[in-house]
Amino acid sequence: MRERSSVVATVGLGANLGNPQAAVAGAIASLAALDGVKLVAQSAFYRSAPIDSSGPDYVNAVVQLQTNLSAPELLAQLQTLELGAGRERPYRNAPRTLDLDLLLFGDASIQSPSLTVPHPRMWQRAFVLLPLAEIAPALVSAALLDSVKDQILERVPDGNNC
């Protein structure tokens, strides 16, 4: 059987319940420890207000992973990590202990009942675009950054050194 070729997957991380900074840092460490996954880039941590919801501010980051997992396999791993962090889904945009979104999977375009890649709202969210521009500037144009300039985002000092 031929081994699947590897791809760079981009994952958005966020949390706003409990200790969000520790949750995001722990999730990054857990992602890096997954079989078939290598952490290749990690943004700083950013603080943002909830969008279309209420609750405490979020801590967000974006990572890039080199993986030989398929997109559905990686999504399953992300959901397992969310569940392990106590993630519940009582309603859309509910506050969360951990949110892991598969933003990009190489240059794949995926439309399935369980997964849409590229993530459908990533290009509208400063908490995705600014950290993504930090680690993969070729993926984020100045026009995209300009389109989210009114969304308040604060870099967390030493946020990725938890």
Protein backbone atom coordinates (compact mmCIF):
# COMPACT_ATOMS: atom_id res chain seq x y z
CA MET A 1 0.00 0.00 0.00
CA ARG A 2 1.32 3.42 -0.96
CA GLU A 3 1.83 5.94 1.84
CA ARG A 4 -0.25 9.09 1.53
CA SER A 5 1.81 12.15 0.61
CA SER A 6 1.99 14.86 3.20
CA VAL A 7 0.19 18.17 3.06
CA VAL A 8 0.33 21.40 5.03
CA ALA A 9 -2.86 21.86 7.03
CA THR A 10 -3.74 25.14 8.72
CA VAL A 11 -5.67 25.02 11.98
CA GLY A 12 -7.27 27.88 13.90
CA LEU A 13 -7.40 27.56 17.68
CA GLY A 14 -9.52 29.46 20.14
CA ALA A 15 -10.89 29.28 23.67
CA ASN A 16 -12.76 31.60 26.01
CA LEU A 17 -13.75 29.48 29.00
CA GLY A 18 -11.58 28.31 31.89
CA ASN A 19 -7.97 29.29 31.22
CA PRO A 20 -8.08 30.02 27.48
CA GLN A 21 -4.37 30.72 27.12
CA ALA A 22 -3.44 27.41 28.73
CA ALA A 23 -6.09 25.59 26.67
CA VAL A 24 -4.68 26.94 23.39
CA ALA A 25 -1.08 26.20 24.44
CA GLY A 26 -2.07 22.68 25.49
CA ALA A 27 -3.90 22.08 22.23
CA ILE A 28 -0.84 23.15 20.23
CA ALA A 29 1.30 20.69 22.20
CA SER A 30 -1.32 17.96 21.65
CA LEU A 31 -1.45 18.66 17.92
CA ALA A 32 2.35 18.46 17.70
CA ALA A 33 2.24 15.08 19.46
CA LEU A 34 -0.28 13.46 17.09
CA ASP A 35 0.92 10.53 14.98
CA GLY A 36 1.35 11.61 11.38
CA VAL A 37 1.55 15.30 12.30
CA LYS A 38 4.47 17.72 12.61
CA LEU A 39 4.05 21.30 13.84
CA VAL A 40 5.77 23.56 11.29
CA ALA A 41 4.57 27.06 12.25
CA GLN A 42 2.79 28.70 15.17
CA SER A 43 1.50 32.24 15.48
CA ALA A 44 1.52 34.39 18.57
CA PHE A 45 -1.62 34.36 20.70
CA TYR A 46 -4.25 37.05 20.17
CA ARG A 47 -7.19 38.19 22.28
CA SER A 48 -10.51 39.02 20.59
CA ALA A 49 -14.09 39.69 21.60
CA PRO A 50 -16.68 37.03 20.74
CA ILE A 51 -18.37 37.48 17.34
CA ASP A 52 -22.13 36.84 17.09
CA SER A 53 -22.07 35.65 20.71
CA SER A 54 -21.39 36.71 24.28
CA GLY A 55 -19.00 35.66 26.99
CA PRO A 56 -15.37 36.37 27.86
CA ASP A 57 -12.78 37.33 25.26
CA TYR A 58 -11.18 34.57 23.22
CA VAL A 59 -7.53 33.66 22.99
CA ASN A 60 -6.75 32.66 19.39
CA ALA A 61 -3.81 31.36 17.40
CA VAL A 62 -3.13 29.67 14.07
CA VAL A 63 -0.77 26.79 13.40
CA GLN A 64 0.42 24.98 10.33
CA LEU A 65 0.92 21.23 10.44
CA GLN A 66 2.68 18.92 8.02
CA THR A 67 0.56 15.78 7.98
CA ASN A 68 -0.01 12.57 6.08
CA LEU A 69 -3.49 12.23 7.62
CA SER A 70 -6.45 12.80 5.33
CA ALA A 71 -8.62 15.86 5.98
CA PRO A 72 -11.39 13.75 7.58
CA GLU A 73 -8.81 11.94 9.75
CA LEU A 74 -7.33 15.25 10.89
CA LEU A 75 -10.79 16.66 11.57
CA ALA A 76 -11.57 13.61 13.73
CA GLN A 77 -8.36 14.22 15.71
CA LEU A 78 -9.28 17.90 16.18
CA GLN A 79 -12.73 16.95 17.45
CA THR A 80 -11.23 14.38 19.83
CA LEU A 81 -8.96 17.07 21.29
CA GLU A 82 -11.94 19.43 21.66
CA LEU A 83 -13.94 16.76 23.50
CA GLY A 84 -10.96 16.01 25.73
CA ALA A 85 -10.88 19.70 26.67
CA GLY A 86 -14.55 19.58 27.66
CA ARG A 87 -15.96 21.16 24.50
CA GLU A 88 -19.74 21.24 24.39
CA ARG A 89 -21.91 22.45 21.53
CA PRO A 90 -25.16 23.62 23.16
CA TYR A 91 -25.79 26.21 20.42
CA ARG A 92 -24.03 27.95 17.51
CA ASN A 93 -21.19 30.21 18.63
CA ALA A 94 -21.52 29.17 22.27
CA PRO A 95 -18.56 29.99 24.54
CA ARG A 96 -16.04 27.15 24.45
CA THR A 97 -13.22 25.55 26.35
CA LEU A 98 -11.49 24.80 23.04
CA ASP A 99 -12.31 25.35 19.39
CA LEU A 100 -10.15 23.80 16.66
CA ASP A 101 -11.02 24.66 13.05
CA LEU A 102 -9.45 23.06 10.01
CA LEU A 103 -8.98 26.22 7.95
CA LEU A 104 -6.94 24.97 4.99
CA PHE A 105 -5.79 21.56 3.84
CA GLY A 106 -3.08 22.20 1.27
CA ASP A 107 -4.85 23.65 -1.75
CA ALA A 108 -7.80 21.28 -1.40
CA SER A 109 -11.38 22.42 -1.76
CA ILE A 110 -13.63 20.14 0.30
CA GLN A 111 -17.41 20.27 0.59
CA SER A 112 -18.96 17.53 2.69
CA PRO A 113 -21.66 17.38 5.37
CA SER A 114 -18.97 17.38 8.07
CA LEU A 115 -16.21 19.53 6.57
CA THR A 116 -15.83 22.61 4.40
CA VAL A 117 -12.31 23.65 3.40
CA PRO A 118 -11.29 26.40 3.05
CA HIS A 119 -13.18 27.30 6.21
CA PRO A 120 -16.13 29.39 4.99
CA ARG A 121 -15.68 32.37 7.36
CA MET A 122 -11.91 32.46 7.76
CA TRP A 123 -11.47 35.32 5.29
CA GLN A 124 -13.85 37.50 7.37
CA ARG A 125 -12.18 37.06 10.76
CA ALA A 126 -9.28 39.17 12.04
CA PHE A 127 -8.57 36.51 14.69
CA VAL A 128 -7.74 34.13 11.82
CA LEU A 129 -6.21 36.48 9.25
CA LEU A 130 -3.70 38.32 11.47
CA PRO A 131 -2.17 35.17 12.99
CA LEU A 132 -2.23 33.50 9.56
CA ALA A 133 -0.45 36.49 8.00
CA GLU A 134 2.18 36.15 10.71
CA ILE A 135 3.07 32.54 9.81
CA ALA A 136 2.08 32.39 6.11
CA PRO A 137 2.10 35.95 4.72
CA ALA A 138 1.67 34.78 1.13
CA LEU A 139 -1.82 33.50 2.00
CA VAL A 140 -3.19 36.84 3.25
CA SER A 141 -3.40 39.89 1.03
CA ALA A 142 -3.33 43.50 2.20
CA ALA A 143 -6.92 43.83 0.95
CA LEU A 144 -8.03 40.96 3.21
CA LEU A 145 -6.30 42.51 6.20
CA ASP A 146 -7.88 45.87 5.35
CA SER A 147 -11.33 44.25 5.23
CA VAL A 148 -11.06 43.22 8.92
CA LYS A 149 -9.28 46.31 10.26
CA ASP A 150 -12.32 47.32 12.34
CA GLN A 151 -12.24 44.05 14.31
CA ILE A 152 -10.29 44.62 17.51
CA LEU A 153 -7.49 42.16 18.08
CA GLU A 154 -4.80 42.38 20.75
CA ARG A 155 -1.59 40.39 20.72
CA VAL A 156 -1.15 38.56 24.04
CA PRO A 157 2.30 39.34 25.47
CA ASP A 158 4.34 36.13 25.55
CA GLY A 159 1.13 34.33 24.64
CA ASN A 160 2.82 31.41 22.96
CA ASN A 161 5.27 30.82 25.76
CA CYS A 162 2.83 29.28 28.26
